[in-house]
Amino acid sequence: MESRLEQATGYRHTKIVDGPAGPIEVKIAGEGRAVVLIPSLGRGADDFDDLSVRLADHDYMAVAPEPRGIGASTSPLDDLSMFDLAADIAAVIEALDIAPATLVGHAFGNRVARMTATEHPDLVESVVLLACGGLVPAAPEHTEALRTVFMSDASDAEHQAAVAKAFFAPGNDASVWFDGWHRAASAGQTRATTSLDPSHWWQAGRADVLVVQPEDDVVALPANASAIVEQLGDRATLATIPRAGHALLPEQPEAVAAVVLGWLSGRI
């Protein structure tokens, strides 16, 4: 049976792009203005399957590169930097000839999106930040839960409890994210983001920014979104999604799509 992604209007294929340090696997759905989707820490492009379908159905091209260490994206993770991660996204945009593109980054992915907009401004039309943090820290219990998610020696029960605590709003089904965690990728990404002062990429270059804040996020607290919007001034817009935590995408897919599509339609 075909997946939802394969049923999407204008579905094309998975393409392998030559990246600066090796191949990059890219999932493409739809035709039209390009929207590049960058997943959360240690997560893969599949997290964007639902949003990709919705974008394709509204005449956009959803472009979802697999991060290094996931699928056929086999570039090295050793000594990975934010410059490398941004260069990977830039290589995809250039190879597919889709500049300028809107970048949608989820959680850690919003750091990569902002770094790409900073280092490659001519390739980026605008940036959407889903669940972005970094200024106001999470409570110790939620930081510990986030750490447990990536622990290889955690039991299944401990892992699932940590996923629910760190990523999902109360009452939402955390089991949908039991799988799909890539520890080697997350370790490389963590080294990359800690090796560079966030001030380098924090303001997303000169791009306009949509900040999409989950109301119940305990990792990227709502105070972060308010602070970022205040810092960026007229370049930034804030949208809040109720009944959603840090996972956001599987929790409120329709609400996320509505906000993103509304942003895109206003950019014409």
Protein backbone atom coordinates (compact mmCIF):
# COMPACT_ATOMS: atom_id res chain seq x y z
CA MET A 1 0.00 0.00 0.00
CA GLU A 2 1.24 3.49 -0.84
CA SER A 3 2.12 5.82 2.02
CA ARG A 4 0.43 9.20 2.41
CA LEU A 5 3.58 10.78 1.02
CA GLU A 6 3.39 8.63 -2.11
CA GLN A 7 -0.27 9.53 -2.57
CA ALA A 8 0.42 13.27 -2.42
CA THR A 9 -0.39 15.38 -5.45
CA GLY A 10 2.72 15.73 -7.58
CA TYR A 11 4.67 13.09 -5.65
CA ARG A 12 8.03 12.58 -7.28
CA HIS A 13 10.66 10.48 -5.58
CA THR A 14 13.54 10.25 -3.21
CA LYS A 15 16.58 11.91 -4.72
CA ILE A 16 20.23 11.61 -3.79
CA VAL A 17 22.05 14.96 -3.90
CA ASP A 18 25.81 15.43 -3.85
CA GLY A 19 26.56 17.23 -0.61
CA PRO A 20 29.80 18.97 0.33
CA ALA A 21 31.02 15.87 2.21
CA GLY A 22 28.93 13.04 0.77
CA PRO A 23 25.45 12.05 -0.41
CA ILE A 24 22.27 13.61 0.96
CA GLU A 25 18.97 11.74 0.71
CA VAL A 26 16.07 14.09 -0.05
CA LYS A 27 12.35 13.29 0.00
CA ILE A 28 10.34 15.44 -2.41
CA ALA A 29 6.58 15.84 -2.66
CA GLY A 30 4.57 18.24 -4.81
CA GLU A 31 5.45 20.97 -7.27
CA GLY A 32 5.67 24.73 -6.86
CA ARG A 33 7.43 27.09 -4.48
CA ALA A 34 9.94 25.19 -2.39
CA VAL A 35 9.68 24.58 1.35
CA VAL A 36 12.71 22.85 2.88
CA LEU A 37 11.94 20.87 6.05
CA ILE A 38 14.65 20.31 8.70
CA PRO A 39 13.87 17.87 11.54
CA SER A 40 14.53 17.90 15.28
CA LEU A 41 17.56 16.55 17.16
CA GLY A 42 18.23 12.95 16.18
CA ARG A 43 15.04 12.74 14.12
CA GLY A 44 14.59 12.04 10.42
CA ALA A 45 12.70 13.48 7.48
CA ASP A 46 9.74 11.12 8.13
CA ASP A 47 8.58 13.49 10.88
CA PHE A 48 7.49 15.82 8.08
CA ASP A 49 5.50 13.26 6.05
CA ASP A 50 2.13 14.70 7.07
CA LEU A 51 3.16 18.32 6.52
CA SER A 52 4.73 17.35 3.18
CA VAL A 53 1.43 15.95 1.97
CA ARG A 54 -0.46 19.05 3.05
CA LEU A 55 2.10 21.32 1.35
CA ALA A 56 1.98 19.27 -1.84
CA ASP A 57 -1.82 19.40 -1.85
CA HIS A 58 -1.58 23.20 -1.78
CA ASP A 59 0.82 23.40 -4.74
CA TYR A 60 4.11 23.67 -2.88
CA MET A 61 7.19 21.50 -3.26
CA ALA A 62 8.05 19.92 0.09
CA VAL A 63 11.77 19.11 0.25
CA ALA A 64 12.84 17.03 3.25
CA PRO A 65 16.57 16.19 3.43
CA GLU A 66 17.67 13.41 5.74
CA PRO A 67 20.27 14.73 8.18
CA ARG A 68 23.74 13.22 8.19
CA GLY A 69 23.77 9.77 9.73
CA ILE A 70 20.19 8.93 8.71
CA GLY A 71 19.15 6.90 5.66
CA ALA A 72 21.36 7.44 2.63
CA SER A 73 22.80 10.68 4.03
CA THR A 74 26.16 9.19 4.93
CA SER A 75 28.44 12.22 5.24
CA PRO A 76 30.71 11.96 8.31
CA LEU A 77 29.50 13.00 11.74
CA ASP A 78 32.97 13.44 13.24
CA ASP A 79 33.91 17.05 13.95
CA LEU A 80 30.54 18.16 12.59
CA SER A 81 29.92 21.91 12.71
CA MET A 82 26.94 24.19 12.22
CA PHE A 83 28.71 25.42 9.09
CA ASP A 84 28.62 21.83 7.76
CA LEU A 85 24.92 21.42 8.51
CA ALA A 86 24.07 24.71 6.81
CA ALA A 87 26.23 23.75 3.84
CA ASP A 88 24.24 20.51 3.48
CA ILE A 89 20.96 22.43 3.26
CA ALA A 90 22.50 24.94 0.85
CA ALA A 91 23.72 22.08 -1.35
CA VAL A 92 20.19 20.65 -1.55
CA ILE A 93 18.69 24.02 -2.50
CA GLU A 94 21.33 24.58 -5.17
CA ALA A 95 21.19 21.04 -6.57
CA LEU A 96 17.41 21.19 -6.95
CA ASP A 97 17.56 24.80 -8.23
CA ILE A 98 14.83 25.92 -5.83
CA ALA A 99 16.28 29.16 -4.44
CA PRO A 100 15.07 31.17 -2.70
CA ALA A 101 13.31 28.63 -0.47
CA THR A 102 11.39 28.86 2.77
CA LEU A 103 13.10 26.86 5.51
CA VAL A 104 11.02 25.15 8.20
CA GLY A 105 13.11 23.97 11.13
CA HIS A 106 11.69 21.93 13.99
CA ALA A 107 13.39 22.28 17.41
CA PHE A 108 17.10 21.64 16.72
CA GLY A 109 16.26 22.00 13.03
CA ASN A 110 15.40 25.65 13.57
CA ARG A 111 19.03 26.23 14.55
CA VAL A 112 20.15 24.73 11.26
CA ALA A 113 17.56 26.84 9.43
CA ARG A 114 18.81 30.03 11.06
CA MET A 115 22.43 29.08 10.40
CA THR A 116 21.61 28.47 6.72
CA ALA A 117 19.85 31.83 6.47
CA THR A 118 22.90 33.47 8.07
CA GLU A 119 25.54 31.79 5.91
CA HIS A 120 23.59 31.52 2.64
CA PRO A 121 21.12 34.44 2.65
CA ASP A 122 20.58 34.46 -1.12
CA LEU A 123 19.19 30.91 -0.94
CA VAL A 124 16.58 31.65 1.74
CA GLU A 125 13.28 33.48 1.25
CA SER A 126 12.03 33.16 4.84
CA VAL A 127 12.38 30.95 7.91
CA VAL A 128 9.76 29.15 10.03
CA LEU A 129 10.85 28.10 13.51
CA LEU A 130 8.81 25.30 15.10
CA ALA A 131 9.38 25.01 18.86
CA CYS A 132 12.51 27.15 19.15
CA GLY A 133 14.31 27.74 22.41
CA GLY A 134 17.74 28.49 23.76
CA LEU A 135 17.30 31.60 25.90
CA VAL A 136 15.10 30.50 28.81
CA PRO A 137 16.27 27.06 30.05
CA ALA A 138 14.00 24.10 30.69
CA ALA A 139 13.48 22.85 34.22
CA PRO A 140 16.07 20.26 35.36
CA GLU A 141 13.49 17.45 35.29
CA HIS A 142 12.69 18.12 31.64
CA THR A 143 16.35 18.47 30.70
CA GLU A 144 16.95 15.09 32.32
CA ALA A 145 14.02 13.57 30.41
CA LEU A 146 15.46 14.90 27.15
CA ARG A 147 18.81 13.31 28.02
CA THR A 148 17.14 9.98 28.83
CA VAL A 149 15.47 9.86 25.40
CA PHE A 150 18.90 9.41 23.82
CA MET A 151 20.39 7.02 26.39
CA SER A 152 21.15 3.65 24.83
CA ASP A 153 20.81 1.84 28.16
CA ALA A 154 17.34 3.18 29.02
CA SER A 155 14.63 0.55 29.17
CA ASP A 156 11.68 0.76 26.79
CA ALA A 157 9.49 2.00 29.64
CA GLU A 158 12.04 4.63 30.70
CA HIS A 159 12.49 5.75 27.10
CA GLN A 160 8.76 6.11 26.47
CA ALA A 161 8.20 7.95 29.75
CA ALA A 162 11.02 10.36 28.88
CA VAL A 163 9.62 10.99 25.40
CA ALA A 164 6.22 11.79 26.90
CA LYS A 165 7.69 14.06 29.59
CA ALA A 166 10.01 16.06 27.32
CA PHE A 167 8.11 16.18 24.05
CA PHE A 168 4.35 15.79 24.46
CA ALA A 169 1.62 17.86 26.04
CA PRO A 170 -0.49 16.13 28.73
CA GLY A 171 -3.06 13.81 27.20
CA ASN A 172 -1.35 13.53 23.80
CA ASP A 173 -0.21 10.15 22.46
CA ALA A 174 3.57 9.93 22.89
CA SER A 175 3.75 6.37 21.55
CA VAL A 176 3.87 7.70 17.98
CA TRP A 177 7.43 8.85 18.74
CA PHE A 178 8.62 5.68 20.46
CA ASP A 179 10.77 4.93 17.42
CA GLY A 180 12.59 7.17 14.96
CA TRP A 181 15.48 8.24 17.23
CA HIS A 182 19.01 8.26 15.77
CA ARG A 183 21.57 8.48 18.56
CA ALA A 184 24.69 8.84 16.40
CA ALA A 185 23.10 11.69 14.45
CA SER A 186 21.97 13.40 17.65
CA ALA A 187 25.47 13.15 19.14
CA GLY A 188 27.01 14.76 16.06
CA GLN A 189 24.37 17.48 15.99
CA THR A 190 24.88 18.22 19.68
CA ARG A 191 28.63 18.61 19.16
CA ALA A 192 27.95 20.94 16.24
CA THR A 193 25.59 23.25 18.09
CA THR A 194 27.79 23.46 21.19
CA SER A 195 30.89 24.31 19.14
CA LEU A 196 29.57 27.68 17.95
CA ASP A 197 28.20 30.61 19.92
CA PRO A 198 24.45 30.85 19.14
CA SER A 199 24.81 34.59 18.54
CA HIS A 200 26.33 33.73 15.17
CA TRP A 201 23.08 32.32 13.78
CA TRP A 202 20.49 33.53 16.30
CA GLN A 203 18.85 36.21 14.15
CA ALA A 204 18.59 34.14 10.94
CA GLY A 205 20.58 36.58 8.87
CA ARG A 206 18.22 39.06 7.27
CA ALA A 207 15.31 36.67 6.65
CA ASP A 208 11.76 37.23 7.85
CA VAL A 209 10.87 34.73 10.56
CA LEU A 210 7.67 32.98 11.67
CA VAL A 211 7.95 31.62 15.22
CA VAL A 212 5.50 28.78 15.90
CA GLN A 213 5.31 28.16 19.65
CA PRO A 214 3.67 25.08 21.20
CA GLU A 215 1.68 26.32 24.19
CA ASP A 216 2.67 23.38 26.44
CA ASP A 217 6.34 23.11 25.42
CA VAL A 218 8.51 22.36 28.47
CA VAL A 219 11.80 22.19 26.55
CA ALA A 220 11.52 25.34 24.41
CA LEU A 221 9.48 27.40 26.84
CA PRO A 222 7.04 30.03 25.49
CA ALA A 223 9.18 32.78 27.01
CA ASN A 224 11.83 31.91 24.40
CA ALA A 225 9.46 32.62 21.53
CA SER A 226 8.40 35.95 23.00
CA ALA A 227 12.03 36.97 23.50
CA ILE A 228 13.04 36.01 19.96
CA VAL A 229 10.14 37.91 18.42
CA GLU A 230 10.99 40.96 20.52
CA GLN A 231 14.63 40.79 19.42
CA LEU A 232 13.82 40.49 15.72
CA GLY A 233 11.17 43.19 15.72
CA ASP A 234 9.35 43.75 12.42
CA ARG A 235 11.06 40.71 10.86
CA ALA A 236 9.26 38.29 13.18
CA THR A 237 5.72 36.98 13.61
CA LEU A 238 4.51 34.77 16.47
CA ALA A 239 1.86 32.04 16.30
CA THR A 240 0.94 29.87 19.29
CA ILE A 241 -0.39 26.31 18.93
CA PRO A 242 -2.51 25.08 21.88
CA ARG A 243 -2.46 21.51 23.23
CA ALA A 244 1.02 20.82 21.89
CA GLY A 245 4.44 20.18 23.38
CA HIS A 246 7.93 20.11 21.93
CA ALA A 247 7.03 17.32 19.49
CA LEU A 248 4.33 19.57 17.95
CA LEU A 249 4.23 17.97 14.49
CA PRO A 250 2.51 14.69 15.47
CA GLU A 251 0.41 16.45 18.12
CA GLN A 252 -1.26 19.18 16.07
CA PRO A 253 -0.58 18.51 12.36
CA GLU A 254 -3.60 20.41 11.06
CA ALA A 255 -2.87 23.50 13.16
CA VAL A 256 0.80 23.53 12.16
CA ALA A 257 -0.08 23.17 8.48
CA ALA A 258 -2.64 25.98 8.70
CA VAL A 259 -0.11 28.36 10.23
CA VAL A 260 2.65 27.46 7.77
CA LEU A 261 0.34 27.65 4.76
CA GLY A 262 -0.98 30.98 5.96
CA TRP A 263 2.57 32.30 6.23
CA LEU A 264 3.45 31.03 2.77
CA SER A 265 0.36 32.53 1.15
CA GLY A 266 1.24 35.88 2.65
CA ARG A 267 4.70 35.77 1.09
CA ILE A 268 3.44 35.88 -2.52
